[in-house]
Amino acid sequence: MSEVVPLEEAHDVGLFGSKAVGLGEAARAGLPLPPGVALSGAVVEAVAGGEEHAIEAVGKLVRPLGAPLAVRSSAVDEDGAEASFAGQHLTLLGVPSSDAVTDAVREVWWSANSDSAITYRQRVGQFTRPSVGVVVQALLDSDTAGVMFTQNPIDGADERVIEASWGLGEAVVAGLVIPDHFRVARSGEVLERVPGLKKIAIRRKPEGGTFEEEIAADRAEQLCVDDEQLEELNKLATLCEEVYGPARDIEWAIAGGQLYLLQCRAITRAGG
């Protein structure tokens, strides 16, 4: 089924949504991604409706990814510069097996068709029924993760702004910690290092799901990214700008000493 493809074969935004196609661009450009699969909106709707041929096609490509998995929405018009659907469309971390992906995909479909998501769409001027693609990726057992802006999102300064915490990046995205804060010049010079307060880390469970791990007091305020890793992040920012253009909002993770790109989208403009 050509509407269930490895990420590097996701080309059509109208089929797979902006998140999947963006990750496909990254894969084709050789950026470091966890392996993954893109599902078109039609396939997601078929899986949500219990159609066996669609469920089988998804299972065939997802199975080699192993487990646990991350299942994320990729609606056609989400995460543009004018609007971000973060919090409206569901992300499920720690899906325990390829068999459990069916229920996860169904949950993502319902989240994008919920009253709150439809109301948000209308508020930002989108009145059509959403086509909801899905991205399924191996879930990294990350040591450190966070977000990075390739230019300062507050004042537009030409510098990288990085926020980081222990464990999975969900702790930063969901506001569960005060992350470490860094500013790095395009040249690589570290302009600012501000330790956060990271009392918990979200970790994946091998059998599926996630849990909150309490961080020892001496590590809660210890910087979780060193200068060598900041250099790697700066290089990733440059590569992302070469592939996607300027003003990028990046989600990243470090697992087993390797830096990975999880997501790259336009920085949402204030008021969007």
Protein backbone atom coordinates (compact mmCIF):
# COMPACT_ATOMS: atom_id res chain seq x y z
CA MET A 1 0.00 0.00 0.00
CA SER A 2 1.74 3.17 -1.23
CA GLU A 3 0.00 5.22 1.46
CA VAL A 4 1.99 3.45 4.20
CA VAL A 5 5.67 4.16 3.52
CA PRO A 6 9.06 4.52 5.26
CA LEU A 7 9.60 8.16 6.23
CA GLU A 8 12.15 8.75 3.45
CA GLU A 9 9.39 7.98 0.91
CA ALA A 10 6.91 10.50 2.35
CA HIS A 11 6.81 13.28 -0.26
CA ASP A 12 3.19 14.44 -0.56
CA VAL A 13 1.87 16.80 2.13
CA GLY A 14 -1.66 16.25 0.83
CA LEU A 15 -1.34 12.54 1.64
CA PHE A 16 0.90 12.32 4.68
CA GLY A 17 0.74 15.74 6.34
CA SER A 18 3.41 18.33 7.02
CA LYS A 19 5.14 16.58 9.94
CA ALA A 20 5.67 13.31 8.03
CA VAL A 21 6.88 15.05 4.88
CA GLY A 22 9.20 17.28 6.90
CA LEU A 23 10.74 14.20 8.52
CA GLY A 24 10.91 12.61 5.07
CA GLU A 25 12.95 15.58 3.83
CA ALA A 26 15.26 15.15 6.82
CA ALA A 27 15.68 11.43 6.12
CA ARG A 28 16.47 12.07 2.45
CA ALA A 29 19.01 14.72 3.46
CA GLY A 30 20.77 12.26 5.76
CA LEU A 31 19.83 13.98 9.03
CA PRO A 32 19.91 11.65 12.07
CA LEU A 33 16.36 10.38 12.65
CA PRO A 34 14.93 7.46 14.61
CA PRO A 35 13.57 5.01 12.00
CA GLY A 36 9.92 5.50 11.19
CA VAL A 37 6.89 5.06 8.95
CA ALA A 38 4.34 7.54 7.53
CA LEU A 39 0.62 6.76 7.30
CA SER A 40 -1.62 8.78 4.99
CA GLY A 41 -4.83 10.39 6.21
CA ALA A 42 -6.88 7.84 4.26
CA VAL A 43 -5.04 4.93 5.90
CA VAL A 44 -5.45 6.46 9.36
CA GLU A 45 -9.18 6.83 8.77
CA ALA A 46 -9.35 3.22 7.54
CA VAL A 47 -7.44 1.97 10.60
CA ALA A 48 -9.71 4.03 12.87
CA GLY A 49 -12.67 2.43 11.12
CA GLY A 50 -11.32 -1.09 11.72
CA GLU A 51 -10.56 -1.98 8.09
CA GLU A 52 -8.42 -5.11 8.19
CA HIS A 53 -6.37 -4.51 5.01
CA ALA A 54 -5.20 -1.13 6.35
CA ILE A 55 -4.36 -2.56 9.78
CA GLU A 56 -2.31 -5.33 8.14
CA ALA A 57 -0.45 -2.90 5.86
CA VAL A 58 0.49 -0.71 8.82
CA GLY A 59 1.58 -3.69 10.92
CA LYS A 60 3.85 -5.00 8.15
CA LEU A 61 5.92 -1.80 8.02
CA VAL A 62 5.77 -0.95 11.73
CA ARG A 63 6.88 -4.37 13.03
CA PRO A 64 10.58 -3.97 12.03
CA LEU A 65 10.79 -0.74 14.09
CA GLY A 66 10.67 -2.82 17.27
CA ALA A 67 9.19 -1.39 20.47
CA PRO A 68 8.37 0.76 22.27
CA LEU A 69 7.14 3.28 19.70
CA ALA A 70 6.12 6.94 19.41
CA VAL A 71 2.89 7.64 17.50
CA ARG A 72 2.33 11.28 16.46
CA SER A 73 -0.27 13.14 14.44
CA SER A 74 0.68 14.61 11.07
CA ALA A 75 -2.36 16.56 9.91
CA VAL A 76 -2.04 18.19 6.50
CA ASP A 77 -2.15 21.75 7.82
CA GLU A 78 -0.73 21.50 11.35
CA ASP A 79 2.41 23.23 12.62
CA GLY A 80 2.71 26.01 10.10
CA ALA A 81 4.22 29.40 10.87
CA GLU A 82 0.77 30.88 11.54
CA ALA A 83 -0.60 28.15 13.80
CA SER A 84 0.63 25.24 15.89
CA PHE A 85 -1.64 22.35 16.81
CA ALA A 86 0.55 21.32 19.76
CA GLY A 87 -1.80 20.13 22.49
CA GLN A 88 -4.70 19.67 20.05
CA HIS A 89 -3.49 16.57 18.22
CA LEU A 90 -2.31 13.63 20.26
CA THR A 91 1.18 12.22 20.66
CA LEU A 92 1.46 8.79 22.28
CA LEU A 93 4.84 7.76 23.67
CA GLY A 94 5.78 4.23 24.69
CA VAL A 95 3.27 2.34 22.54
CA PRO A 96 4.32 -1.19 23.57
CA SER A 97 4.12 -3.13 20.28
CA SER A 98 3.18 -3.01 16.62
CA ASP A 99 -0.14 -4.65 17.54
CA ALA A 100 -0.92 -1.76 19.90
CA VAL A 101 -0.33 0.78 17.09
CA THR A 102 -3.88 0.22 15.80
CA ASP A 103 -5.43 1.59 19.01
CA ALA A 104 -2.87 4.40 19.13
CA VAL A 105 -3.67 5.47 15.56
CA ARG A 106 -7.37 5.42 16.41
CA GLU A 107 -6.72 7.69 19.41
CA VAL A 108 -4.75 10.16 17.28
CA TRP A 109 -7.56 10.25 14.70
CA TRP A 110 -10.13 10.97 17.39
CA SER A 111 -7.96 13.69 18.97
CA ALA A 112 -7.80 15.56 15.65
CA ASN A 113 -11.58 15.25 15.25
CA SER A 114 -12.40 16.27 18.84
CA ASP A 115 -14.54 19.31 19.62
CA SER A 116 -11.53 21.21 21.00
CA ALA A 117 -9.38 20.53 17.91
CA ILE A 118 -12.19 21.52 15.53
CA THR A 119 -12.82 24.71 17.55
CA TYR A 120 -9.10 25.58 17.39
CA ARG A 121 -9.08 24.99 13.62
CA GLN A 122 -12.00 27.37 13.20
CA ARG A 123 -10.32 29.98 15.39
CA VAL A 124 -7.27 30.01 13.08
CA GLY A 125 -9.45 30.17 9.97
CA GLN A 126 -9.52 26.49 8.94
CA PHE A 127 -13.04 25.21 8.33
CA THR A 128 -12.48 21.95 6.44
CA ARG A 129 -12.49 18.51 8.05
CA PRO A 130 -8.89 17.53 8.87
CA SER A 131 -6.98 14.86 6.99
CA VAL A 132 -4.89 13.28 9.71
CA GLY A 133 -1.72 11.43 8.77
CA VAL A 134 0.33 9.69 11.42
CA VAL A 135 4.05 9.17 12.00
CA VAL A 136 5.18 6.02 13.84
CA GLN A 137 8.81 5.98 15.01
CA ALA A 138 11.02 3.96 17.31
CA LEU A 139 10.99 5.66 20.72
CA LEU A 140 14.52 6.49 21.81
CA ASP A 141 15.72 5.80 25.33
CA SER A 142 17.12 9.31 25.50
CA ASP A 143 19.60 10.51 28.11
CA THR A 144 18.83 14.16 27.38
CA ALA A 145 16.31 15.90 25.14
CA GLY A 146 14.66 19.22 24.48
CA VAL A 147 13.90 21.94 21.98
CA MET A 148 16.05 24.31 19.94
CA PHE A 149 15.21 27.45 17.99
CA THR A 150 17.60 28.30 15.17
CA GLN A 151 17.00 31.99 15.88
CA ASN A 152 15.84 33.65 19.06
CA PRO A 153 12.02 33.32 19.08
CA ILE A 154 11.62 36.40 21.28
CA ASP A 155 13.66 39.05 19.49
CA GLY A 156 14.73 37.31 16.28
CA ALA A 157 18.45 37.50 17.17
CA ASP A 158 20.71 35.34 14.99
CA GLU A 159 21.53 32.78 17.69
CA ARG A 160 20.43 29.31 18.77
CA VAL A 161 18.20 29.08 21.84
CA ILE A 162 18.25 25.63 23.43
CA GLU A 163 16.23 24.20 26.32
CA ALA A 164 17.16 20.78 27.68
CA SER A 165 16.30 18.29 30.41
CA TRP A 166 17.09 14.74 31.45
CA GLY A 167 15.17 11.89 29.80
CA LEU A 168 12.51 12.32 27.12
CA GLY A 169 11.76 15.78 25.74
CA GLU A 170 8.15 15.58 26.88
CA ALA A 171 9.27 16.98 30.26
CA VAL A 172 10.32 20.21 28.49
CA VAL A 173 7.43 20.39 26.00
CA ALA A 174 4.82 19.74 28.71
CA GLY A 175 6.38 22.24 31.15
CA LEU A 176 7.06 19.64 33.85
CA VAL A 177 10.56 21.00 34.57
CA ILE A 178 12.46 24.26 34.43
CA PRO A 179 14.87 23.26 31.65
CA ASP A 180 18.49 24.25 31.29
CA HIS A 181 18.69 27.27 28.99
CA PHE A 182 21.48 27.96 26.49
CA ARG A 183 22.20 30.60 23.88
CA VAL A 184 24.74 29.74 21.20
CA ALA A 185 26.02 32.06 18.49
CA ARG A 186 25.91 30.80 14.90
CA SER A 187 29.71 30.71 15.09
CA GLY A 188 29.44 28.15 17.91
CA GLU A 189 30.39 30.46 20.79
CA VAL A 190 28.30 29.69 23.88
CA LEU A 191 26.72 32.99 24.91
CA GLU A 192 24.76 31.83 27.97
CA ARG A 193 24.34 28.76 30.18
CA VAL A 194 21.57 28.87 32.78
CA PRO A 195 20.96 25.72 34.86
CA GLY A 196 17.31 24.82 35.29
CA LEU A 197 15.56 22.80 37.97
CA LYS A 198 14.90 19.33 36.61
CA LYS A 199 13.42 17.33 39.49
CA ILE A 200 11.93 14.64 37.25
CA ALA A 201 12.78 12.87 34.01
CA ILE A 202 10.26 11.12 31.81
CA ARG A 203 11.63 7.69 30.89
CA ARG A 204 10.28 5.02 28.58
CA LYS A 205 9.25 1.62 29.95
CA PRO A 206 10.63 -1.31 27.95
CA GLU A 207 7.18 -2.93 28.06
CA GLY A 208 5.48 0.25 26.85
CA GLY A 209 4.35 3.53 28.35
CA THR A 210 6.40 6.08 30.23
CA PHE A 211 7.04 6.96 33.86
CA GLU A 212 8.36 9.90 35.87
CA GLU A 213 11.72 9.24 37.48
CA GLU A 214 12.77 11.39 40.42
CA ILE A 215 16.14 13.06 39.79
CA ALA A 216 18.71 13.21 42.60
CA ALA A 217 19.04 16.69 44.10
CA ASP A 218 22.65 17.12 42.96
CA ARG A 219 21.66 16.42 39.31
CA ALA A 220 18.48 18.50 39.28
CA GLU A 221 20.47 21.72 38.83
CA GLN A 222 23.42 20.19 36.97
CA LEU A 223 23.68 21.17 33.29
CA CYS A 224 22.54 18.21 31.21
CA VAL A 225 24.24 19.29 27.94
CA ASP A 226 28.01 19.86 27.67
CA ASP A 227 29.89 22.13 25.26
CA GLU A 228 30.64 19.31 22.83
CA GLN A 229 26.93 18.50 22.63
CA LEU A 230 26.10 22.19 22.18
CA GLU A 231 28.48 22.18 19.21
CA GLU A 232 26.63 19.20 17.74
CA LEU A 233 23.29 20.94 18.29
CA ASN A 234 24.58 24.05 16.53
CA LYS A 235 25.65 21.89 13.56
CA LEU A 236 22.20 20.26 13.50
CA ALA A 237 20.59 23.72 13.49
CA THR A 238 22.70 24.70 10.47
CA LEU A 239 21.79 21.48 8.62
CA CYS A 240 18.10 21.96 9.36
CA GLU A 241 18.23 25.51 7.99
CA GLU A 242 19.96 24.23 4.86
CA VAL A 243 17.18 21.68 4.33
CA TYR A 244 14.13 23.66 5.50
CA GLY A 245 15.11 27.35 5.52
CA PRO A 246 15.58 29.81 8.40
CA ALA A 247 13.66 30.21 11.67
CA ARG A 248 13.22 26.57 12.71
CA ASP A 249 11.73 25.07 15.87
CA ILE A 250 13.49 21.73 16.48
CA GLU A 251 12.82 18.87 18.87
CA TRP A 252 15.91 16.74 19.53
CA ALA A 253 17.21 13.94 21.72
CA ILE A 254 20.56 12.43 22.67
CA ALA A 255 20.55 8.65 23.13
CA GLY A 256 23.62 6.45 23.46
CA GLY A 257 25.87 9.41 22.71
CA GLN A 258 24.12 10.10 19.38
CA LEU A 259 22.15 13.29 18.62
CA TYR A 260 18.82 12.73 16.84
CA LEU A 261 16.36 15.08 15.18
CA LEU A 262 12.78 14.33 16.26
CA GLN A 263 10.92 17.18 14.60
CA CYS A 264 11.58 20.39 12.68
CA ARG A 265 8.92 23.00 11.95
CA ALA A 266 8.64 26.71 11.37
CA ILE A 267 8.80 28.92 14.47
CA THR A 268 5.20 29.87 15.19
CA ARG A 269 4.77 33.62 14.97
CA ALA A 270 3.36 35.42 18.00
CA GLY A 271 -0.39 35.75 17.79
CA GLY A 272 -0.69 32.67 15.54
